[in-house]
């Protein structure tokens, strides 16, 4: 397969092609302009000399009131030098005096003048405003163009291709400079993308290119690299956390089973209950991992229905009453009646369960959890608040990130995997809900879901 040209080479060739076309067009235009200007110059000189000839005959007539066969002899020599054939006619058009055209043409050739076409013009001779005759003046093409003028025109014509060649050469040099300058940012961004593909997630583009579009592209790639690096760190952390979470209950189960098999311990109901708790912990972890798989696979499908928000809040809270009772945490539901929302019932319950699980996990014994469903003006809101350990302000922007946990050591011991709030955020985004978090260290947290008006 033929390898495509690099961008710098394409830009260089494009610049050179444009410069060559421009130079060729300019050369043609300059040739036309030079010819037109010289033709105009020749015409101006010709009309001036013809006017002098006409005035000469008018002066003779004004002096003598007539012409003779020798009336034009005084200007014949100058006319021949100019390559002009002059003839004097009376008022009836009869030729009174005329130069020999062949002699003028021979002299014209001997003088080295250019041009071979012959043309004539006739001008009236006036006396006191009355036409008394006419002068016919013939000329060969270029007759009024001196050898110096002709040489100057030839030098200009030769200079046009030379100037075009210099222009093309300058365009080549400039195109090389510009193509390298324009392609350098793209080479840098391509290099960054290639290094990201190889897994070098710490690379960044530090320089600014001075172009809004290229700077925006560099910023976007830097943001992508930073996001990938953070996600990779979170994934590695998750791998370590999952390994720890799996290893702890499995080691406990293995030790207990081996002790019973070896006869060191008897399989009493209490020990079997310990086994059941460890198995439940594994089930919870695997369920969270399954939810994580659904989340990353973007398979959240919604079956919207009209739901009673107060009933949904009470139902979710009831499932946490035994856990709160064992932990010594009070759980209260304050829900206004008659509030309905359009949502997927399973996903709404999952949102409530994850928020309540997060509240129970971080609320110490003696604390309280409150679930509220209410109307705030024209907005419908669902809030889960607790009097737990709370979070620092700098933690709030990251709490909905996947795998992120505020207190890693404590969340491990309590069985958390760090994806519950991420799932809540994903469900909220799929429904078009707005989710807000407020927290203060030592005083607790409030998570509020704001439903759009229907």
Protein backbone atom coordinates (compact mmCIF):
# COMPACT_ATOMS: atom_id res chain seq x y z
CA UNK A 1 0.00 0.00 0.00
CA UNK A 2 1.33 3.42 -0.95
CA UNK A 3 2.32 5.47 2.07
CA UNK A 4 0.56 8.87 2.19
CA UNK A 5 2.61 12.05 2.18
CA UNK A 6 3.24 13.76 5.53
CA UNK A 7 1.28 16.91 6.23
CA UNK A 8 4.39 19.11 5.99
CA UNK A 9 5.13 17.78 2.49
CA UNK A 10 1.51 18.27 1.41
CA UNK A 11 1.53 21.85 2.70
CA UNK A 12 4.86 22.56 0.97
CA UNK A 13 3.66 21.19 -2.36
CA UNK A 14 0.38 23.10 -2.03
CA UNK A 15 2.21 26.38 -1.32
CA UNK A 16 4.60 25.80 -4.24
CA UNK A 17 1.73 24.97 -6.61
CA UNK A 18 -0.20 28.06 -5.57
CA UNK A 19 2.93 30.22 -5.92
CA UNK A 20 3.70 28.78 -9.37
CA UNK A 21 0.14 29.39 -10.60
CA UNK A 22 0.20 32.88 -9.17
CA UNK A 23 3.58 33.64 -10.75
CA UNK A 24 2.46 32.31 -14.14
CA UNK A 25 -0.73 34.34 -13.99
CA UNK A 26 1.20 37.42 -12.89
CA UNK A 27 3.67 36.96 -15.76
CA UNK A 28 0.87 36.82 -18.32
CA UNK A 29 -0.81 39.86 -16.78
CA UNK A 30 2.46 41.80 -16.71
CA UNK A 31 3.12 40.93 -20.38
CA UNK A 32 -0.31 42.25 -21.28
CA UNK A 33 0.19 45.39 -19.20
CA UNK A 34 3.63 46.04 -20.71
CA UNK A 35 2.31 45.62 -24.27
CA UNK A 36 -0.71 47.79 -23.56
CA UNK A 37 1.40 50.53 -21.99
CA UNK A 38 3.85 50.52 -24.88
CA UNK A 39 1.06 50.56 -27.43
CA UNK A 40 -0.43 53.50 -25.59
CA UNK A 41 2.96 55.18 -25.55
CA UNK A 42 3.43 54.58 -29.30
CA UNK A 43 -0.05 55.94 -30.02
CA UNK A 44 0.62 59.04 -27.96
CA UNK A 45 3.93 59.71 -29.73
CA UNK A 46 2.32 59.08 -33.13
CA UNK A 47 -0.55 61.47 -32.49
CA UNK A 48 1.88 64.11 -31.32
CA UNK A 49 4.00 63.87 -34.49
CA UNK A 50 0.92 63.75 -36.70
CA UNK A 51 -0.34 66.90 -34.98
CA UNK A 52 2.97 68.62 -35.72
CA UNK A 53 2.66 67.68 -39.40
CA UNK A 54 -0.91 69.05 -39.58
CA UNK A 55 0.12 72.29 -37.87
CA UNK A 56 3.03 72.64 -40.32
CA UNK A 57 0.68 72.59 -43.33
CA UNK A 58 -1.79 74.91 -41.60
CA UNK A 59 1.01 77.43 -41.05
CA UNK A 60 2.02 77.26 -44.73
CA UNK A 61 -1.56 77.85 -45.85
CA UNK A 62 -2.00 80.71 -43.38
CA UNK A 63 1.12 82.32 -44.80
CA UNK A 64 0.67 81.72 -48.55
CA UNK A 65 -3.10 81.10 -48.74
CA UNK A 66 -2.26 78.17 -50.96
CA UNK A 67 0.01 75.15 -51.40
CA UNK A 68 2.50 74.19 -54.02
CA UNK A 69 4.15 70.97 -55.14
CA UNK A 70 7.00 71.74 -52.77
CA UNK A 71 4.88 72.51 -49.69
CA UNK A 72 5.94 69.33 -47.86
CA UNK A 73 9.60 69.15 -48.73
CA UNK A 74 10.69 70.75 -45.42
CA UNK A 75 9.14 68.01 -43.34
CA UNK A 76 9.89 65.11 -45.68
CA UNK A 77 13.27 64.32 -44.12
CA UNK A 78 11.91 64.31 -40.56
CA UNK A 79 8.87 62.27 -41.63
CA UNK A 80 11.13 59.68 -43.25
CA UNK A 81 13.22 59.49 -40.06
CA UNK A 82 9.99 58.83 -38.16
CA UNK A 83 8.88 56.19 -40.67
CA UNK A 84 5.90 58.28 -41.80
CA UNK A 85 4.50 58.54 -45.34
CA UNK A 86 2.87 61.98 -45.73
CA UNK A 87 0.53 63.12 -48.49
CA UNK A 88 -1.14 66.56 -48.88
CA UNK A 89 -4.62 66.73 -50.43
CA UNK A 90 -6.66 69.78 -51.46
CA UNK A 91 -10.26 70.42 -50.52
CA UNK A 92 -11.43 68.14 -53.35
CA UNK A 93 -9.27 65.25 -52.20
CA UNK A 94 -6.70 65.65 -54.99
CA UNK A 95 -3.14 64.78 -54.02
CA UNK A 96 -0.95 67.87 -54.20
CA UNK A 97 2.21 66.41 -52.72
CA UNK A 98 3.16 62.94 -51.49
CA UNK A 99 6.16 60.96 -50.22
CA UNK A 100 7.27 57.70 -51.82
CA UNK A 101 6.01 54.85 -49.60
CA UNK A 102 8.61 52.35 -50.88
CA UNK A 103 11.46 54.72 -50.07
CA UNK A 104 10.12 55.28 -46.57
CA UNK A 105 9.70 51.53 -46.00
CA UNK A 106 13.25 50.86 -47.20
CA UNK A 107 14.62 53.52 -44.91
CA UNK A 108 12.45 52.11 -42.10
CA UNK A 109 14.00 48.67 -42.52
CA UNK A 110 17.52 50.03 -42.73
CA UNK A 111 17.03 51.87 -39.45
CA UNK A 112 16.26 48.54 -37.72
CA UNK A 113 12.73 49.44 -36.63
CA UNK A 114 10.29 46.70 -35.56
CA UNK A 115 6.92 46.02 -37.13
CA UNK A 116 5.72 45.45 -40.67
CA UNK A 117 2.04 46.37 -40.74
CA UNK A 118 1.13 49.63 -42.47
CA UNK A 119 -1.76 51.93 -41.57
CA UNK A 120 -2.96 55.41 -42.62
CA UNK A 121 -4.87 58.21 -40.94
CA UNK A 122 -6.29 61.37 -42.46
CA UNK A 123 -6.52 64.70 -40.64
CA UNK A 124 -8.31 67.91 -41.77
CA UNK A 125 -6.31 71.07 -42.39
CA UNK A 126 -8.22 74.12 -41.13
CA UNK A 127 -7.91 77.82 -41.77
CA UNK A 128 -10.10 80.15 -39.74
CA UNK A 129 -12.27 77.19 -38.85
CA UNK A 130 -12.80 76.17 -42.47
CA UNK A 131 -11.44 72.97 -43.96
CA UNK A 132 -9.08 73.83 -46.80
CA UNK A 133 -7.55 70.40 -47.33
CA UNK A 134 -6.31 67.30 -45.53
CA UNK A 135 -3.14 65.45 -44.62
CA UNK A 136 -2.84 61.70 -44.96
CA UNK A 137 -0.19 60.15 -42.73
CA UNK A 138 0.79 56.50 -43.03
CA UNK A 139 2.97 54.55 -40.59
CA UNK A 140 4.50 51.14 -40.20
CA UNK A 141 3.86 49.36 -36.89
CA UNK A 142 6.42 50.44 -34.31
CA UNK A 143 7.72 53.21 -36.50
CA UNK A 144 7.61 55.71 -33.65
CA UNK A 145 9.30 53.30 -31.26
CA UNK A 146 12.98 54.14 -31.04
CA UNK A 147 15.62 51.36 -30.83
CA UNK A 148 16.16 52.34 -27.19
CA UNK A 149 12.44 52.01 -26.51
CA UNK A 150 12.32 48.64 -28.22
CA UNK A 151 15.33 47.41 -26.24
CA UNK A 152 13.74 48.59 -23.01
CA UNK A 153 10.54 46.70 -23.84
CA UNK A 154 12.53 43.54 -24.58
CA UNK A 155 14.40 43.85 -21.29
CA UNK A 156 11.12 44.20 -19.41
CA UNK A 157 9.76 41.12 -21.11
CA UNK A 158 12.88 39.18 -20.22
CA UNK A 159 12.61 40.42 -16.64
CA UNK A 160 9.09 39.03 -16.14
CA UNK A 161 10.11 35.32 -16.25
CA UNK A 162 13.13 36.09 -14.08
CA UNK A 163 10.95 37.83 -11.51
CA UNK A 164 8.51 34.92 -11.62
CA UNK A 165 11.32 32.44 -11.01
CA UNK A 166 12.56 34.49 -8.05
CA UNK A 167 9.01 34.62 -6.70
CA UNK A 168 8.63 30.85 -6.97
CA UNK A 169 11.98 30.31 -5.25
CA UNK A 170 10.99 32.65 -2.44
CA UNK A 171 7.66 30.83 -2.18
CA UNK A 172 9.49 27.50 -1.87
CA UNK A 173 11.63 28.79 0.99
CA UNK A 174 8.63 30.41 2.69
CA UNK A 175 6.47 27.30 2.19
CA UNK A 176 9.12 25.11 3.85
CA UNK A 177 9.18 27.44 6.83
CA UNK A 178 5.39 27.75 7.08
CA UNK A 179 4.70 24.05 6.55
CA UNK A 180 7.10 23.13 9.34
CA UNK A 181 5.64 25.79 11.60
CA UNK A 182 2.04 24.74 10.88
CA UNK A 183 2.66 20.99 11.08
CA UNK A 184 4.73 21.12 14.29
CA UNK A 185 1.68 21.46 16.62
CA UNK A 186 -0.02 18.58 14.81
CA UNK A 187 3.13 16.48 15.14
CA UNK A 188 3.17 17.23 18.86
CA UNK A 189 -0.49 16.30 19.31
CA UNK A 190 -0.04 13.16 17.18
CA UNK A 191 2.97 12.18 19.26
CA UNK A 192 0.93 12.69 22.44
CA UNK A 193 -1.92 10.56 21.11
CA UNK A 194 0.51 7.83 20.07
CA UNK A 195 2.16 7.81 23.49
CA UNK A 196 -1.26 7.65 25.13
CA UNK A 197 -2.05 4.66 22.92
CA UNK A 198 1.11 2.99 24.24
CA UNK A 199 -0.05 3.62 27.79
CA UNK A 200 2.18 6.58 28.67
CA UNK A 201 -0.57 8.45 30.48
CA UNK A 202 1.66 11.01 32.22
CA UNK A 203 2.62 12.87 29.02
CA UNK A 204 1.31 16.40 28.44
CA UNK A 205 1.66 19.19 25.87
CA UNK A 206 3.14 22.12 27.80
CA UNK A 207 3.67 24.72 25.08
CA UNK A 208 1.14 27.08 23.54
CA UNK A 209 0.92 27.27 19.74
CA UNK A 210 -0.62 30.72 19.43
CA UNK A 211 -3.68 29.43 17.53
CA UNK A 212 -7.03 29.06 19.27
CA UNK A 213 -7.99 25.84 17.51
CA UNK A 214 -4.63 24.15 18.08
CA UNK A 215 -4.43 25.34 21.68
CA UNK A 216 -7.95 24.00 22.27
CA UNK A 217 -6.94 20.66 20.73
CA UNK A 218 -3.87 20.51 22.98
CA UNK A 219 -5.99 21.33 26.04
CA UNK A 220 -8.49 18.63 25.10
CA UNK A 221 -5.74 16.03 24.70
CA UNK A 222 -4.16 17.09 27.99
CA UNK A 223 -7.53 16.76 29.70
CA UNK A 224 -8.01 13.34 28.10
CA UNK A 225 -4.57 12.22 29.25
CA UNK A 226 -5.24 13.45 32.77
CA UNK A 227 -8.63 11.72 32.85
CA UNK A 228 -7.16 8.47 31.57
CA UNK A 229 -4.37 8.67 34.12
CA UNK A 230 -6.81 9.26 36.96
CA UNK A 231 -9.08 6.45 35.75
CA UNK A 232 -6.11 4.12 35.54
CA UNK A 233 -5.11 4.98 39.09
CA UNK A 234 -8.68 4.38 40.25
CA UNK A 235 -8.83 1.06 38.43
CA UNK A 236 -5.59 -0.07 40.01
CA UNK A 237 -6.90 1.02 43.38
CA UNK A 238 -10.10 -0.92 42.73
CA UNK A 239 -8.09 -4.02 41.83
CA UNK A 240 -6.18 -3.76 45.11
CA UNK A 241 -9.39 -3.10 47.06
CA UNK A 242 -11.28 -5.97 45.44
CA UNK A 243 -8.35 -8.31 46.04
CA UNK A 244 -8.31 -7.25 49.69
CA UNK A 245 -12.07 -7.56 50.03
CA UNK A 246 -12.12 -11.01 48.44
CA UNK A 247 -9.07 -12.25 50.31
CA UNK A 248 -10.35 -11.30 53.77
CA UNK A 249 -13.65 -13.27 53.79
CA UNK A 250 -12.15 -16.14 51.77
CA UNK A 251 -9.27 -16.51 54.23
CA UNK A 252 -11.72 -16.45 57.14
CA UNK A 253 -13.96 -19.03 55.49
CA UNK A 254 -11.00 -21.22 54.58
CA UNK A 255 -9.62 -21.12 58.12
CA UNK A 256 -12.99 -21.90 59.67
CA UNK A 257 -13.74 -24.78 57.30
CA UNK A 258 -10.26 -26.28 57.74
CA UNK A 259 -10.60 -26.07 61.52
CA UNK A 260 -13.92 -27.89 61.39
CA UNK A 261 -12.57 -30.52 59.00
CA UNK A 262 -9.50 -31.08 61.18
CA UNK A 263 -11.68 -31.42 64.25
CA UNK A 264 -10.13 -28.41 65.92
CA UNK A 265 -13.52 -26.71 66.05
CA UNK A 266 -17.05 -27.98 66.01
CA UNK A 267 -19.46 -26.62 63.34
CA UNK A 268 -21.69 -24.87 65.84
CA UNK A 269 -24.58 -22.56 64.78
CA UNK A 270 -22.49 -19.53 65.80
CA UNK A 271 -19.61 -20.56 63.55
CA UNK A 272 -21.96 -21.33 60.69
CA UNK A 273 -23.46 -17.85 61.17
CA UNK A 274 -19.94 -16.41 60.83
CA UNK A 275 -19.58 -18.32 57.56
CA UNK A 276 -22.95 -16.97 56.37
CA UNK A 277 -21.87 -13.39 57.12
CA UNK A 278 -18.65 -13.80 55.17
CA UNK A 279 -20.57 -15.30 52.24
CA UNK A 280 -23.06 -12.40 52.39
CA UNK A 281 -20.15 -10.01 52.26
CA UNK A 282 -18.86 -11.74 49.11
CA UNK A 283 -22.33 -11.64 47.55
CA UNK A 284 -22.56 -7.91 48.22
CA UNK A 285 -19.16 -7.31 46.66
CA UNK A 286 -19.97 -9.33 43.55
CA UNK A 287 -23.30 -7.52 43.20
CA UNK A 288 -21.47 -4.17 43.30
CA UNK A 289 -19.02 -5.40 40.69
CA UNK A 290 -21.93 -6.45 38.46
CA UNK A 291 -23.47 -3.00 38.82
CA UNK A 292 -20.10 -1.51 37.93
CA UNK A 293 -20.00 -3.64 34.78
CA UNK A 294 -23.47 -2.39 33.80
CA UNK A 295 -22.39 1.16 34.50
CA UNK A 296 -19.27 1.02 32.37
CA UNK A 297 -21.10 -0.82 29.62
CA UNK A 298 -23.67 1.99 29.46
CA UNK A 299 -26.56 -0.49 29.60
CA UNK A 300 -28.84 1.50 31.90
CA UNK A 301 -32.26 1.00 30.36
CA UNK A 302 -35.21 2.89 31.76
CA UNK A 303 -38.86 1.90 32.03
CA UNK A 304 -40.48 5.11 33.17
CA UNK A 305 -43.71 5.01 35.16
CA UNK A 306 -45.66 7.30 37.47
CA UNK A 307 -44.38 6.68 41.01
CA UNK A 308 -45.46 7.87 44.44
CA UNK A 309 -42.27 9.41 45.83
CA UNK A 310 -43.37 9.16 49.48
CA UNK A 311 -44.13 5.45 49.14
CA UNK A 312 -40.80 4.82 47.38
CA UNK A 313 -38.96 6.58 50.23
CA UNK A 314 -40.79 4.62 52.93
CA UNK A 315 -40.26 1.31 51.13
CA UNK A 316 -36.51 1.84 50.78
CA UNK A 317 -36.19 2.99 54.40
CA UNK A 318 -37.99 -0.10 55.72
CA UNK A 319 -35.31 -2.36 54.26
CA UNK A 320 -32.68 -0.52 56.33
CA UNK A 321 -34.54 -0.53 59.65
CA UNK A 322 -32.96 -3.80 60.92
CA UNK A 323 -29.45 -2.60 60.06
CA UNK A 324 -30.03 0.81 61.67
CA UNK A 325 -31.49 -0.89 64.74
CA UNK A 326 -28.44 -3.13 65.17
CA UNK A 327 -26.07 -0.21 64.68
CA UNK A 328 -27.97 2.13 66.99
CA UNK A 329 -28.80 4.70 64.32
CA UNK A 330 -32.25 6.31 64.11
CA UNK A 331 -33.98 6.35 60.71
CA UNK A 332 -36.87 8.72 59.93
CA UNK A 333 -38.93 9.38 56.79
CA UNK A 334 -40.58 12.77 56.30
CA UNK A 335 -42.43 12.63 53.00
CA UNK A 336 -45.16 14.88 51.73
CA UNK A 337 -48.12 12.97 50.30
CA UNK A 338 -49.35 13.32 46.75
CA UNK A 339 -45.94 13.83 45.14
CA UNK A 340 -45.51 11.80 41.96
CA UNK A 341 -42.53 11.54 39.63
CA UNK A 342 -41.94 9.81 36.30
CA UNK A 343 -39.04 7.38 36.73
CA UNK A 344 -37.87 3.80 36.43
CA UNK A 345 -39.07 2.16 39.65
CA UNK A 346 -36.08 -0.17 40.05
CA UNK A 347 -33.58 2.62 39.37
CA UNK A 348 -35.33 5.00 41.79
CA UNK A 349 -35.19 2.36 44.51
CA UNK A 350 -31.55 1.64 43.70
CA UNK A 351 -30.80 5.35 44.07
CA UNK A 352 -32.50 5.46 47.47
CA UNK A 353 -30.81 2.23 48.61
CA UNK A 354 -27.34 3.46 47.61
CA UNK A 355 -27.85 6.82 49.33
CA UNK A 356 -29.18 5.15 52.48
CA UNK A 357 -26.36 2.58 52.45
CA UNK A 358 -23.84 5.39 52.19
CA UNK A 359 -25.52 7.23 55.09
CA UNK A 360 -25.64 4.14 57.33
CA UNK A 361 -22.03 3.30 56.52
CA UNK A 362 -20.67 6.68 57.61
CA UNK A 363 -23.05 7.45 60.50
CA UNK A 364 -21.71 6.31 63.92
CA UNK A 365 -23.93 4.75 66.63
CA UNK A 366 -26.20 7.32 68.20
CA UNK A 367 -26.51 9.28 64.96
CA UNK A 368 -29.58 9.81 62.81
CA UNK A 369 -30.63 9.52 59.16
CA UNK A 370 -33.56 11.40 57.63
CA UNK A 371 -35.23 10.80 54.28
CA UNK A 372 -37.36 13.67 52.96
CA UNK A 373 -39.59 13.94 49.90
CA UNK A 374 -41.01 17.43 49.36
CA UNK A 375 -41.94 20.23 47.01
CA UNK A 376 -39.71 23.29 47.04
CA UNK A 377 -41.59 25.93 45.08
CA UNK A 378 -42.09 24.42 41.64
CA UNK A 379 -39.41 21.75 42.17
CA UNK A 380 -39.70 18.21 43.50
CA UNK A 381 -36.85 17.03 45.71
CA UNK A 382 -35.72 13.91 47.52
CA UNK A 383 -33.08 14.35 50.24
CA UNK A 384 -31.14 11.86 52.38
CA UNK A 385 -29.32 13.50 55.28
CA UNK A 386 -27.20 12.04 58.07
CA UNK A 387 -25.21 13.12 61.11
CA UNK A 388 -22.17 11.09 60.09
CA UNK A 389 -18.49 11.94 59.75
CA UNK A 390 -19.06 14.33 56.85
CA UNK A 391 -16.56 15.34 54.16
CA UNK A 392 -14.10 18.15 53.58
CA UNK A 393 -15.07 20.69 50.88
CA UNK A 394 -12.26 19.52 48.58
CA UNK A 395 -13.71 15.99 48.58
CA UNK A 396 -17.15 16.99 47.30
CA UNK A 397 -16.25 17.45 43.58
CA UNK A 398 -14.96 13.86 43.42
CA UNK A 399 -17.44 11.84 45.46
CA UNK A 400 -19.43 10.78 42.39
CA UNK A 401 -16.37 9.46 40.58
CA UNK A 402 -16.21 5.74 40.06
CA UNK A 403 -14.13 3.90 42.70
CA UNK A 404 -13.53 7.06 44.69
CA UNK A 405 -13.83 6.73 48.47
CA UNK A 406 -13.31 9.44 51.06
CA UNK A 407 -11.97 7.23 53.85
CA UNK A 408 -10.33 4.21 52.20
CA UNK A 409 -9.35 2.35 55.35
CA UNK A 410 -12.78 2.76 56.94
CA UNK A 411 -14.72 1.90 53.81
CA UNK A 412 -12.75 -1.33 53.42
CA UNK A 413 -13.64 -2.43 56.89
CA UNK A 414 -17.29 -1.64 56.30
CA UNK A 415 -17.40 -3.48 53.00
CA UNK A 416 -17.80 -0.49 50.70
CA UNK A 417 -16.48 -0.73 47.15
CA UNK A 418 -16.62 2.95 46.27
CA UNK A 419 -19.09 2.74 43.38
CA UNK A 420 -22.46 3.34 45.08
CA UNK A 421 -22.51 7.11 44.53
CA UNK A 422 -21.15 6.70 41.01
CA UNK A 423 -24.13 4.48 40.21
CA UNK A 424 -26.46 7.08 41.73
CA UNK A 425 -24.89 9.77 39.54
CA UNK A 426 -25.27 7.60 36.42
CA UNK A 427 -28.92 6.84 37.15
CA UNK A 428 -29.59 10.54 37.78
CA UNK A 429 -27.94 11.49 34.48
CA UNK A 430 -29.99 8.88 32.59
CA UNK A 431 -33.24 10.33 34.02
CA UNK A 432 -32.21 13.97 33.67
CA UNK A 433 -32.19 14.48 37.44
CA UNK A 434 -29.89 16.91 39.20
CA UNK A 435 -28.05 15.55 42.23
CA UNK A 436 -26.44 17.84 44.82
CA UNK A 437 -24.16 17.08 47.75
CA UNK A 438 -23.55 19.17 50.86
CA UNK A 439 -21.31 18.14 53.72
CA UNK A 440 -19.35 19.41 56.69
CA UNK A 441 -16.72 17.41 58.57
CA UNK A 442 -18.05 16.10 61.87
CA UNK A 443 -21.63 17.24 61.19
CA UNK A 444 -22.83 14.98 58.38
CA UNK A 445 -23.90 15.11 54.76
CA UNK A 446 -27.02 15.82 52.69
CA UNK A 447 -27.60 14.31 49.24
CA UNK A 448 -30.47 15.88 47.30
CA UNK A 449 -32.04 14.60 44.08
CA UNK A 450 -33.93 17.27 42.14
CA UNK A 451 -36.51 15.97 39.68
CA UNK A 452 -37.38 17.88 36.51
CA UNK A 453 -40.89 19.27 36.14
CA UNK A 454 -43.12 17.08 33.99
